[in-house]
N, C-alpha and C. Protein backbone atom coordinates (compact mmCIF):
# COMPACT_ATOMS: atom_id res chain seq x y z
N GLN A 1 112.22 84.93 98.79
CA GLN A 1 111.94 86.61 98.86
C GLN A 1 110.37 87.13 98.54
N VAL A 2 109.79 87.96 98.86
CA VAL A 2 108.69 88.90 98.34
C VAL A 2 109.23 89.69 98.24
N GLN A 3 108.97 90.49 96.77
CA GLN A 3 109.00 92.38 96.86
C GLN A 3 107.80 92.38 96.74
N LEU A 4 107.72 94.06 97.18
CA LEU A 4 106.67 94.82 96.94
C LEU A 4 107.01 95.98 96.68
N VAL A 5 105.85 96.28 95.77
CA VAL A 5 106.37 97.97 95.24
C VAL A 5 105.09 98.11 95.08
N GLU A 6 105.29 99.45 95.79
CA GLU A 6 103.97 99.93 96.34
C GLU A 6 103.98 101.87 94.95
N SER A 7 102.26 101.94 94.90
CA SER A 7 102.39 102.71 93.98
C SER A 7 100.77 103.43 94.31
N GLY A 8 100.15 105.06 93.58
CA GLY A 8 99.53 105.88 94.04
C GLY A 8 99.13 106.72 95.32
N GLY A 9 100.12 107.10 95.33
CA GLY A 9 101.41 108.32 95.74
C GLY A 9 100.75 109.76 95.38
N GLY A 10 100.70 110.59 95.80
CA GLY A 10 100.62 111.79 95.13
C GLY A 10 100.20 112.97 95.90
N SER A 11 100.25 114.23 95.21
CA SER A 11 99.53 115.24 96.44
C SER A 11 98.08 115.72 96.60
N VAL A 12 97.95 115.93 97.15
CA VAL A 12 95.94 116.28 97.34
C VAL A 12 95.86 117.04 98.43
N GLN A 13 94.74 117.48 98.36
CA GLN A 13 94.32 118.86 99.14
C GLN A 13 93.50 118.44 100.08
N ALA A 14 93.82 118.84 101.19
CA ALA A 14 93.26 118.25 102.92
C ALA A 14 91.41 118.21 102.38
N GLY A 15 90.55 116.62 103.23
CA GLY A 15 89.32 116.91 102.61
C GLY A 15 89.58 116.29 101.18
N GLY A 16 90.67 115.30 100.58
CA GLY A 16 90.79 114.39 99.43
C GLY A 16 91.34 113.26 99.81
N SER A 17 91.13 112.13 98.71
CA SER A 17 91.26 110.77 98.82
C SER A 17 92.38 110.61 98.03
N LEU A 18 93.10 109.01 98.58
CA LEU A 18 93.73 108.74 97.77
C LEU A 18 93.90 106.62 97.89
N ARG A 19 94.09 106.69 96.79
CA ARG A 19 94.32 104.77 97.12
C ARG A 19 96.01 104.75 97.09
N LEU A 20 96.24 103.74 97.81
CA LEU A 20 97.44 103.34 97.28
C LEU A 20 97.47 101.84 97.60
N ALA A 21 98.64 101.29 96.28
CA ALA A 21 98.89 100.04 95.83
C ALA A 21 99.90 99.12 96.37
N CYS A 22 99.60 97.93 97.10
CA CYS A 22 101.22 97.43 97.35
C CYS A 22 101.21 95.99 96.57
N ALA A 23 101.46 96.17 95.45
CA ALA A 23 102.01 94.48 94.66
C ALA A 23 103.02 94.00 95.29
N ALA A 24 102.64 92.44 95.38
CA ALA A 24 103.74 91.70 95.55
C ALA A 24 103.83 91.08 94.84
N SER A 25 105.30 90.39 94.55
CA SER A 25 105.72 89.17 93.67
C SER A 25 106.77 88.53 94.63
N ARG A 26 106.69 86.91 94.63
CA ARG A 26 107.45 85.88 94.65
C ARG A 26 108.73 86.13 94.11
N ASN A 27 109.65 86.34 94.18
CA ASN A 27 111.08 86.24 93.75
C ASN A 27 111.36 84.06 92.91
N THR A 28 111.50 83.55 94.41
CA THR A 28 111.67 82.35 93.80
C THR A 28 110.53 81.37 94.17
N ALA A 29 110.37 80.14 94.35
CA ALA A 29 109.97 78.83 94.07
C ALA A 29 110.08 78.85 95.85
N SER A 30 110.65 79.30 96.25
CA SER A 30 110.76 78.87 97.76
C SER A 30 109.95 80.04 98.99
N SER A 31 109.67 81.45 98.18
CA SER A 31 109.42 82.29 98.55
C SER A 31 107.95 81.86 99.30
N PRO A 32 107.71 82.25 100.23
CA PRO A 32 106.35 82.06 101.16
C PRO A 32 105.21 82.64 100.53
N SER A 33 104.63 82.01 100.16
CA SER A 33 102.90 82.03 99.53
C SER A 33 102.03 82.47 100.27
N SER A 34 101.87 82.74 101.59
CA SER A 34 101.02 83.80 102.29
C SER A 34 102.14 83.64 103.73
N TYR A 35 100.79 85.33 103.25
CA TYR A 35 101.87 86.03 104.05
C TYR A 35 101.12 87.79 104.52
N PHE A 36 101.11 88.30 105.58
CA PHE A 36 100.76 89.21 105.88
C PHE A 36 101.05 90.69 105.19
N VAL A 37 100.14 91.76 105.44
CA VAL A 37 100.61 92.96 104.97
C VAL A 37 100.03 94.01 105.58
N GLY A 38 101.36 94.77 105.79
CA GLY A 38 100.84 95.63 106.64
C GLY A 38 101.58 97.08 106.01
N TRP A 39 100.73 98.46 106.22
CA TRP A 39 101.13 100.03 105.79
C TRP A 39 101.90 100.76 107.00
N PHE A 40 102.66 101.13 106.61
CA PHE A 40 103.81 101.98 107.98
C PHE A 40 103.78 102.81 107.26
N ARG A 41 103.81 104.34 107.84
CA ARG A 41 104.45 105.77 107.60
C ARG A 41 105.56 106.86 108.26
N ARG A 42 105.87 107.48 107.73
CA ARG A 42 106.81 107.82 107.98
C ARG A 42 107.11 109.43 108.20
N ALA A 43 106.49 110.54 108.71
CA ALA A 43 106.71 111.64 108.44
C ALA A 43 108.12 111.97 108.54
N PRO A 44 108.59 113.25 108.23
CA PRO A 44 109.89 114.00 108.50
C PRO A 44 110.05 114.13 110.06
N GLY A 45 110.58 114.06 110.40
CA GLY A 45 111.18 114.09 111.57
C GLY A 45 110.39 113.28 112.91
N LYS A 46 109.85 111.91 112.46
CA LYS A 46 108.62 111.08 113.62
C LYS A 46 109.18 109.69 112.84
N GLU A 47 108.63 109.37 114.59
CA GLU A 47 109.03 107.51 114.15
C GLU A 47 108.01 106.90 113.29
N ARG A 48 108.18 105.62 112.17
CA ARG A 48 107.45 104.99 111.40
C ARG A 48 106.48 104.71 112.26
N GLU A 49 105.01 105.19 111.85
CA GLU A 49 103.82 104.78 112.08
C GLU A 49 103.06 103.37 111.37
N GLY A 50 102.48 102.24 112.06
CA GLY A 50 102.07 101.32 111.84
C GLY A 50 100.12 102.09 111.53
N VAL A 51 99.53 102.03 110.28
CA VAL A 51 98.64 102.30 109.74
C VAL A 51 97.62 101.14 109.95
N ALA A 52 97.93 100.27 108.89
CA ALA A 52 96.56 99.54 108.89
C ALA A 52 97.91 98.03 108.51
N ALA A 53 96.57 96.85 108.80
CA ALA A 53 97.78 95.43 108.65
C ALA A 53 96.45 94.41 107.96
N ILE A 54 96.55 93.78 107.23
CA ILE A 54 95.76 92.81 107.06
C ILE A 54 96.01 90.94 106.55
N GLY A 55 94.78 90.28 107.05
CA GLY A 55 95.92 88.74 106.79
C GLY A 55 95.85 88.35 105.49
N ALA A 56 96.11 86.89 105.78
CA ALA A 56 96.73 86.87 104.40
C ALA A 56 95.51 86.30 103.27
N ASP A 57 94.49 86.05 104.04
CA ASP A 57 93.33 85.81 102.85
C ASP A 57 91.94 86.75 102.99
N GLY A 58 92.42 87.86 103.67
CA GLY A 58 91.84 89.42 103.44
C GLY A 58 90.29 89.34 104.44
N SER A 59 90.62 88.26 105.45
CA SER A 59 89.01 88.73 105.84
C SER A 59 89.29 89.13 107.26
N ILE A 60 90.76 89.38 107.55
CA ILE A 60 91.23 89.69 108.94
C ILE A 60 92.07 90.72 108.60
N THR A 61 91.16 92.31 108.86
CA THR A 61 92.54 93.53 109.03
C THR A 61 92.10 93.83 110.41
N TYR A 62 92.75 95.05 110.62
CA TYR A 62 93.75 95.54 111.71
C TYR A 62 93.93 97.63 111.07
N ILE A 63 93.55 98.23 111.46
CA ILE A 63 93.19 99.87 111.72
C ILE A 63 93.65 100.44 112.81
N ALA A 64 95.44 101.20 112.31
CA ALA A 64 94.68 101.99 113.72
C ALA A 64 94.04 102.85 114.06
N VAL A 65 94.09 103.61 115.08
CA VAL A 65 93.34 104.71 116.04
C VAL A 65 93.37 105.52 115.29
N SER A 66 93.88 106.36 114.79
CA SER A 66 94.54 107.46 114.24
C SER A 66 94.15 107.34 112.78
N VAL A 67 93.98 106.39 112.70
CA VAL A 67 93.63 106.37 111.23
C VAL A 67 91.78 105.80 110.92
N GLN A 68 91.60 105.35 111.97
CA GLN A 68 89.92 104.73 112.24
C GLN A 68 88.61 105.71 111.53
N GLY A 69 88.29 104.90 110.75
CA GLY A 69 87.08 105.99 110.37
C GLY A 69 87.12 106.60 108.60
N ARG A 70 88.94 106.71 108.33
CA ARG A 70 89.45 106.94 107.47
C ARG A 70 90.10 106.35 106.41
N PHE A 71 90.52 105.30 106.94
CA PHE A 71 91.09 104.34 106.44
C PHE A 71 91.05 102.91 106.28
N THR A 72 91.05 102.31 104.92
CA THR A 72 90.56 101.07 104.94
C THR A 72 91.94 100.35 104.16
N ILE A 73 91.68 99.39 105.09
CA ILE A 73 92.53 98.25 103.78
C ILE A 73 91.87 96.51 103.28
N SER A 74 92.35 96.62 102.17
CA SER A 74 91.51 95.40 101.04
C SER A 74 92.82 94.68 100.41
N LYS A 75 92.72 93.57 100.33
CA LYS A 75 93.30 92.75 99.67
C LYS A 75 92.69 92.08 98.50
N ASP A 76 93.52 91.62 96.72
CA ASP A 76 93.14 91.16 95.75
C ASP A 76 94.30 90.14 95.55
N ASN A 77 93.24 88.95 96.13
CA ASN A 77 94.04 87.62 96.01
C ASN A 77 94.47 87.65 94.88
N SER A 78 94.04 87.59 93.81
CA SER A 78 93.74 87.86 91.76
C SER A 78 94.87 87.82 92.09
N ASN A 79 95.50 88.96 91.79
CA ASN A 79 96.65 89.96 91.89
C ASN A 79 97.60 90.49 93.23
N ASP A 80 97.11 89.07 94.14
CA ASP A 80 98.30 89.77 95.01
C ASP A 80 98.94 90.85 95.15
N THR A 81 97.79 92.71 95.40
CA THR A 81 97.54 93.66 96.06
C THR A 81 97.08 93.85 97.13
N VAL A 82 97.72 94.37 97.96
CA VAL A 82 96.63 94.77 99.01
C VAL A 82 96.74 96.42 98.55
N TYR A 83 95.46 96.78 98.95
CA TYR A 83 95.52 98.41 99.04
C TYR A 83 94.81 99.55 100.32
N LEU A 84 95.33 100.68 100.51
CA LEU A 84 94.87 101.42 101.56
C LEU A 84 93.88 102.46 100.56
N GLN A 85 93.08 102.35 101.39
CA GLN A 85 92.09 103.26 100.63
C GLN A 85 92.13 104.81 101.68
N MET A 86 92.39 105.79 101.88
CA MET A 86 92.31 106.80 102.06
C MET A 86 91.46 108.14 102.03
N LYS A 87 90.79 108.45 102.86
CA LYS A 87 89.70 109.53 102.77
C LYS A 87 89.92 110.48 103.96
N SER A 88 88.86 111.72 103.95
CA SER A 88 89.21 112.64 104.46
C SER A 88 90.48 112.96 104.87
N LEU A 89 91.83 113.30 104.64
CA LEU A 89 93.66 112.89 104.30
C LEU A 89 92.90 115.00 104.97
N LYS A 90 94.18 114.50 105.81
CA LYS A 90 94.48 115.85 106.79
C LYS A 90 96.34 116.27 106.47
N PRO A 91 96.44 117.46 106.88
CA PRO A 91 98.05 117.78 106.47
C PRO A 91 99.06 116.60 107.63
N GLU A 92 98.72 115.98 108.29
CA GLU A 92 99.27 115.42 109.56
C GLU A 92 99.50 114.45 108.66
N ASP A 93 98.70 113.37 107.41
CA ASP A 93 98.93 112.13 107.24
C ASP A 93 99.55 112.73 106.20
N THR A 94 100.72 113.54 105.87
CA THR A 94 101.59 113.88 104.90
C THR A 94 102.78 112.47 105.29
N ALA A 95 103.30 112.02 104.35
CA ALA A 95 104.48 111.21 104.98
C ALA A 95 104.97 110.51 103.77
N MET A 96 105.78 109.47 104.18
CA MET A 96 106.32 108.51 103.44
C MET A 96 105.54 106.87 103.42
N TYR A 97 104.86 106.46 102.88
CA TYR A 97 104.04 105.37 103.09
C TYR A 97 104.73 103.74 102.71
N TYR A 98 105.22 103.25 103.36
CA TYR A 98 105.49 101.99 102.76
C TYR A 98 104.57 101.06 103.36
N CYS A 99 104.75 99.74 102.70
CA CYS A 99 104.19 98.25 102.88
C CYS A 99 104.94 97.37 103.46
N ALA A 100 104.56 96.06 103.87
CA ALA A 100 105.26 95.39 104.60
C ALA A 100 104.85 94.06 104.23
N ALA A 101 105.40 93.04 104.34
CA ALA A 101 105.10 91.50 104.58
C ALA A 101 105.87 90.56 105.18
N ARG A 102 105.27 89.82 105.68
CA ARG A 102 105.79 88.57 106.85
C ARG A 102 104.63 87.25 106.30
N PRO A 103 105.81 86.42 106.22
CA PRO A 103 105.21 85.13 106.10
C PRO A 103 104.09 84.67 107.13
N THR A 104 103.14 84.27 107.09
CA THR A 104 102.29 83.29 108.03
C THR A 104 102.85 83.01 108.73
N ASP A 105 103.63 81.81 108.36
CA ASP A 105 103.68 80.52 109.09
C ASP A 105 102.85 79.76 110.52
N GLY A 106 101.68 80.08 109.26
CA GLY A 106 100.18 79.22 109.52
C GLY A 106 99.86 79.80 110.75
N THR A 107 99.86 81.42 110.85
CA THR A 107 98.98 81.81 111.95
C THR A 107 98.07 83.27 110.97
N ARG A 108 97.08 82.79 111.94
CA ARG A 108 95.93 83.88 111.41
C ARG A 108 96.24 85.21 111.68
N PHE A 109 96.48 85.32 113.09
CA PHE A 109 96.55 86.58 113.26
C PHE A 109 97.59 87.09 113.79
N LEU A 110 97.94 88.51 114.06
CA LEU A 110 99.28 89.56 113.88
C LEU A 110 98.75 89.99 115.51
N VAL A 111 100.13 89.01 116.20
CA VAL A 111 99.88 89.80 117.54
C VAL A 111 100.40 91.46 117.77
N ARG A 112 101.14 91.83 116.81
CA ARG A 112 101.62 93.31 116.95
C ARG A 112 101.42 94.10 115.81
N PRO A 113 100.14 94.33 114.91
CA PRO A 113 99.59 94.59 113.77
C PRO A 113 100.62 95.65 113.31
N PHE A 114 101.11 96.72 113.65
CA PHE A 114 101.06 98.17 113.94
C PHE A 114 103.14 98.57 114.36
N HIS A 115 103.73 97.37 114.28
CA HIS A 115 105.23 97.02 114.98
C HIS A 115 106.11 96.71 113.72
N PRO A 116 106.83 97.90 113.53
CA PRO A 116 107.61 97.00 111.93
C PRO A 116 108.54 96.24 112.37
N ASP A 117 108.69 96.13 113.21
CA ASP A 117 109.58 94.30 114.01
C ASP A 117 108.68 93.32 113.62
N GLU A 118 107.44 93.54 113.31
CA GLU A 118 106.94 91.62 113.06
C GLU A 118 107.04 92.01 111.34
N PHE A 119 107.57 92.66 110.73
CA PHE A 119 107.50 92.14 109.27
C PHE A 119 108.57 92.47 108.99
N THR A 120 109.13 91.69 107.64
CA THR A 120 110.17 90.88 107.10
C THR A 120 110.56 91.86 106.17
N TYR A 121 109.26 91.76 105.15
CA TYR A 121 110.15 92.20 103.78
C TYR A 121 109.27 93.36 103.07
N TRP A 122 110.17 94.96 103.44
CA TRP A 122 109.73 96.09 103.00
C TRP A 122 109.34 97.18 101.17
N GLY A 123 108.95 97.79 101.25
CA GLY A 123 108.50 98.48 99.83
C GLY A 123 109.80 99.51 99.95
N GLN A 124 109.79 100.38 98.92
CA GLN A 124 110.21 100.79 99.03
C GLN A 124 109.88 102.88 99.47
N GLY A 125 108.48 102.67 99.12
CA GLY A 125 107.50 104.13 99.77
C GLY A 125 107.12 104.62 98.64
N THR A 126 106.05 105.29 98.67
CA THR A 126 105.18 105.96 98.26
C THR A 126 104.96 106.96 98.63
N GLN A 127 105.26 108.69 98.54
CA GLN A 127 104.75 110.02 98.95
C GLN A 127 103.72 110.46 99.33
N VAL A 128 102.86 110.97 100.01
CA VAL A 128 101.75 111.63 100.57
C VAL A 128 101.82 112.58 100.83
N THR A 129 101.82 114.02 99.95
CA THR A 129 101.88 114.84 100.61
C THR A 129 99.93 116.04 100.60
N VAL A 130 100.00 116.02 101.94
CA VAL A 130 98.07 116.36 101.85
C VAL A 130 98.62 117.82 102.46
N SER A 131 98.19 119.02 101.16
CA SER A 131 98.49 120.50 101.75
C SER A 131 96.47 121.17 102.49
N SER A 132 97.25 121.93 103.34
CA SER A 132 95.95 122.65 103.36
C SER A 132 95.17 123.43 102.53
């Protein structure tokens, strides 16, 4: 089992920035030590949307077209934390943001980095609200 805890959400005005953090911890000795992490969001009345993902060592990243140029994803392997840096935020970025993880199982690439079915473990989410 991998436990994920998101933080960093809040309320900002349009054009502002936020940095979300996803801290991962392994619950048992048999928990996977190498995993992909993705960030998803769900706005009220909308489908869950994948916005970014990152490989185990942080060298491979995926950014959804809808947030390209504004969001970046990074990983600090020293503390098993993945960050989602969001800038130039828009009201349509308002959503609950979740991080998710899945074991790499020896692979380097995600086939569907923005699809929720690719991921096994999920955090509880952190709310981001952008006002106009």
